[in-house]
């Protein structure tokens, strides 16, 4: 997971994997460090999601197609207004997921929290 930290020397983005952590870049401002950590983590999450989907397609292509067909049928059965509601639900879920990642990224925002 990527984190943004502040210490007496500057603003850093670190990568922490549960076993070790590594300073990967120093940035000139706190806001920039926060945004870089957030964007890196979102890209990591997108890559994980893509990999899981690709693996699932290769292991069980018929099951994956069935899930897509069911989703399309469900969307059509909702009618015109149902799509709008579904879209709003999807947008809210994406916003909630982004907020969760942003909170995780900023969790380490305390002085002297990096250990070599």
C-alpha atoms as a PDB file:
ATOM      1  CA  UNK A   1       0.000   0.000   0.000  1.00  0.00           C
ATOM      2  CA  UNK A   2       1.216   3.485  -0.772  1.00  0.00           C
ATOM      3  CA  UNK A   3       1.255   6.117   1.977  1.00  0.00           C
ATOM      4  CA  UNK A   4       2.042   9.794   2.258  1.00  0.00           C
ATOM      5  CA  UNK A   5       4.139  10.799   5.258  1.00  0.00           C
ATOM      6  CA  UNK A   6       5.656  13.966   6.637  1.00  0.00           C
ATOM      7  CA  UNK A   7       8.866  14.191   8.604  1.00  0.00           C
ATOM      8  CA  UNK A   8      11.223  16.974   9.535  1.00  0.00           C
ATOM      9  CA  UNK A   9      13.064  16.606   6.225  1.00  0.00           C
ATOM     10  CA  UNK A  10      10.153  16.712   3.792  1.00  0.00           C
ATOM     11  CA  UNK A  11       7.118  15.087   2.279  1.00  0.00           C
ATOM     12  CA  UNK A  12       7.452  11.459   1.235  1.00  0.00           C
ATOM     13  CA  UNK A  13       5.537   8.701  -0.499  1.00  0.00           C
ATOM     14  CA  UNK A  14       6.328   5.251   0.825  1.00  0.00           C
ATOM     15  CA  UNK A  15       5.406   1.753  -0.264  1.00  0.00           C
ATOM     16  CA  UNK A  16       4.567  -0.623   2.575  1.00  0.00           C
ATOM     17  CA  UNK A  17       3.850  -4.291   1.882  1.00  0.00           C
ATOM     18  CA  UNK A  18       3.337  -5.647   5.394  1.00  0.00           C
ATOM     19  CA  UNK A  19       6.903  -6.898   5.721  1.00  0.00           C
ATOM     20  CA  UNK A  20       8.977  -3.897   4.748  1.00  0.00           C
ATOM     21  CA  UNK A  21       8.559  -0.326   3.688  1.00  0.00           C
ATOM     22  CA  UNK A  22      10.524   1.753   1.247  1.00  0.00           C
ATOM     23  CA  UNK A  23      10.702   5.484   0.637  1.00  0.00           C
ATOM     24  CA  UNK A  24      10.025   5.801  -3.064  1.00  0.00           C
ATOM     25  CA  UNK A  25       9.964   9.558  -3.631  1.00  0.00           C
ATOM     26  CA  UNK A  26      10.269  12.921  -1.965  1.00  0.00           C
ATOM     27  CA  UNK A  27       7.930  15.670  -3.107  1.00  0.00           C
ATOM     28  CA  UNK A  28       7.933  19.438  -2.604  1.00  0.00           C
ATOM     29  CA  UNK A  29       4.522  19.768  -0.907  1.00  0.00           C
ATOM     30  CA  UNK A  30       2.218  17.838   1.384  1.00  0.00           C
ATOM     31  CA  UNK A  31      -0.721  18.156  -1.002  1.00  0.00           C
ATOM     32  CA  UNK A  32       1.311  16.739  -3.880  1.00  0.00           C
ATOM     33  CA  UNK A  33       2.589  13.844  -1.751  1.00  0.00           C
ATOM     34  CA  UNK A  34      -0.988  13.039  -0.694  1.00  0.00           C
ATOM     35  CA  UNK A  35      -2.250  13.086  -4.278  1.00  0.00           C
ATOM     36  CA  UNK A  36       0.654  11.016  -5.644  1.00  0.00           C
ATOM     37  CA  UNK A  37       0.155   8.357  -2.955  1.00  0.00           C
ATOM     38  CA  UNK A  38      -3.583   8.308  -3.677  1.00  0.00           C
ATOM     39  CA  UNK A  39      -3.138   7.988  -7.450  1.00  0.00           C
ATOM     40  CA  UNK A  40      -0.492   5.268  -7.092  1.00  0.00           C
ATOM     41  CA  UNK A  41      -2.765   3.272  -4.781  1.00  0.00           C
ATOM     42  CA  UNK A  42      -5.751   3.667  -7.134  1.00  0.00           C
ATOM     43  CA  UNK A  43      -3.598   2.446 -10.042  1.00  0.00           C
ATOM     44  CA  UNK A  44      -2.447  -0.526  -7.941  1.00  0.00           C
ATOM     45  CA  UNK A  45      -6.070  -1.389  -7.075  1.00  0.00           C
ATOM     46  CA  UNK A  46      -7.102  -1.123 -10.741  1.00  0.00           C
ATOM     47  CA  UNK A  47      -4.255  -3.440 -11.719  1.00  0.00           C
ATOM     48  CA  UNK A  48      -5.263  -5.999  -9.098  1.00  0.00           C
ATOM     49  CA  UNK A  49      -8.878  -5.861 -10.257  1.00  0.00           C
ATOM     50  CA  UNK A  50      -7.851  -6.248 -13.903  1.00  0.00           C
ATOM     51  CA  UNK A  51      -5.641  -9.231 -13.048  1.00  0.00           C
ATOM     52  CA  UNK A  52      -8.401 -10.966 -11.091  1.00  0.00           C
ATOM     53  CA  UNK A  53     -10.882 -10.410 -13.905  1.00  0.00           C
ATOM     54  CA  UNK A  54      -8.455 -11.682 -16.550  1.00  0.00           C
ATOM     55  CA  UNK A  55      -7.660 -14.798 -14.502  1.00  0.00           C
ATOM     56  CA  UNK A  56     -11.334 -15.446 -13.894  1.00  0.00           C
ATOM     57  CA  UNK A  57     -12.081 -15.165 -17.621  1.00  0.00           C
ATOM     58  CA  UNK A  58      -9.344 -17.646 -18.483  1.00  0.00           C
ATOM     59  CA  UNK A  59     -10.358 -20.155 -15.806  1.00  0.00           C
ATOM     60  CA  UNK A  60     -14.141 -19.986 -16.247  1.00  0.00           C
ATOM     61  CA  UNK A  61     -15.160 -18.136 -19.430  1.00  0.00           C
ATOM     62  CA  UNK A  62     -18.728 -19.497 -19.458  1.00  0.00           C
ATOM     63  CA  UNK A  63     -19.349 -18.496 -15.842  1.00  0.00           C
ATOM     64  CA  UNK A  64     -18.067 -15.022 -16.559  1.00  0.00           C
ATOM     65  CA  UNK A  65     -20.321 -14.699 -19.612  1.00  0.00           C
ATOM     66  CA  UNK A  66     -23.261 -15.861 -17.515  1.00  0.00           C
ATOM     67  CA  UNK A  67     -22.590 -13.144 -14.957  1.00  0.00           C
ATOM     68  CA  UNK A  68     -22.444 -10.492 -17.691  1.00  0.00           C
ATOM     69  CA  UNK A  69     -25.697 -11.753 -19.235  1.00  0.00           C
ATOM     70  CA  UNK A  70     -27.452 -11.698 -15.871  1.00  0.00           C
ATOM     71  CA  UNK A  71     -26.260  -8.151 -15.218  1.00  0.00           C
ATOM     72  CA  UNK A  72     -27.513  -6.982 -18.623  1.00  0.00           C
ATOM     73  CA  UNK A  73     -30.906  -8.679 -18.130  1.00  0.00           C
ATOM     74  CA  UNK A  74     -31.198  -7.099 -14.693  1.00  0.00           C
ATOM     75  CA  UNK A  75     -30.392  -3.666 -16.123  1.00  0.00           C
ATOM     76  CA  UNK A  76     -32.920  -4.035 -18.956  1.00  0.00           C
ATOM     77  CA  UNK A  77     -35.621  -5.216 -16.566  1.00  0.00           C
ATOM     78  CA  UNK A  78     -35.228  -2.040 -14.511  1.00  0.00           C
ATOM     79  CA  UNK A  79     -36.374   0.077 -17.457  1.00  0.00           C
ATOM     80  CA  UNK A  80     -35.267   3.631 -18.225  1.00  0.00           C
ATOM     81  CA  UNK A  81     -35.447   4.927 -14.664  1.00  0.00           C
ATOM     82  CA  UNK A  82     -33.711   1.813 -13.352  1.00  0.00           C
ATOM     83  CA  UNK A  83     -30.589   2.632 -15.329  1.00  0.00           C
ATOM     84  CA  UNK A  84     -30.444   6.072 -13.748  1.00  0.00           C
ATOM     85  CA  UNK A  85     -30.760   4.568 -10.266  1.00  0.00           C
ATOM     86  CA  UNK A  86     -28.132   1.930 -11.098  1.00  0.00           C
ATOM     87  CA  UNK A  87     -25.805   4.615 -12.431  1.00  0.00           C
ATOM     88  CA  UNK A  88     -26.220   6.699  -9.268  1.00  0.00           C
ATOM     89  CA  UNK A  89     -25.526   3.618  -7.113  1.00  0.00           C
ATOM     90  CA  UNK A  90     -22.413   2.835  -9.137  1.00  0.00           C
ATOM     91  CA  UNK A  91     -21.108   6.410  -8.944  1.00  0.00           C
ATOM     92  CA  UNK A  92     -21.696   6.468  -5.173  1.00  0.00           C
ATOM     93  CA  UNK A  93     -19.896   3.135  -4.757  1.00  0.00           C
ATOM     94  CA  UNK A  94     -16.905   4.451  -6.729  1.00  0.00           C
ATOM     95  CA  UNK A  95     -16.812   7.620  -4.616  1.00  0.00           C
ATOM     96  CA  UNK A  96     -16.995   5.553  -1.418  1.00  0.00           C
ATOM     97  CA  UNK A  97     -14.162   3.304  -2.632  1.00  0.00           C
ATOM     98  CA  UNK A  98     -12.007   6.320  -3.522  1.00  0.00           C
ATOM     99  CA  UNK A  99     -12.683   7.906  -0.123  1.00  0.00           C
ATOM    100  CA  UNK A 100     -11.699   4.661   1.611  1.00  0.00           C
ATOM    101  CA  UNK A 101      -8.415   4.525  -0.328  1.00  0.00           C
ATOM    102  CA  UNK A 102      -7.731   8.215   0.349  1.00  0.00           C
ATOM    103  CA  UNK A 103      -8.259   7.635   4.094  1.00  0.00           C
ATOM    104  CA  UNK A 104      -5.932   4.625   4.036  1.00  0.00           C
ATOM    105  CA  UNK A 105      -3.264   6.579   2.158  1.00  0.00           C
ATOM    106  CA  UNK A 106      -3.424   9.468   4.639  1.00  0.00           C
ATOM    107  CA  UNK A 107      -3.497   7.209   7.714  1.00  0.00           C
ATOM    108  CA  UNK A 108       0.232   7.551   8.321  1.00  0.00           C
ATOM    109  CA  UNK A 109       0.157  11.351   8.512  1.00  0.00           C
ATOM    110  CA  UNK A 110       1.953  11.669  11.833  1.00  0.00           C
ATOM    111  CA  UNK A 111       5.478  12.955  12.417  1.00  0.00           C
ATOM    112  CA  UNK A 112       8.316  10.442  12.724  1.00  0.00           C
ATOM    113  CA  UNK A 113       6.305   7.463  11.568  1.00  0.00           C
ATOM    114  CA  UNK A 114       8.847   6.069   9.123  1.00  0.00           C
ATOM    115  CA  UNK A 115      11.172   3.382  10.424  1.00  0.00           C
ATOM    116  CA  UNK A 116      14.286   2.395   8.500  1.00  0.00           C
END
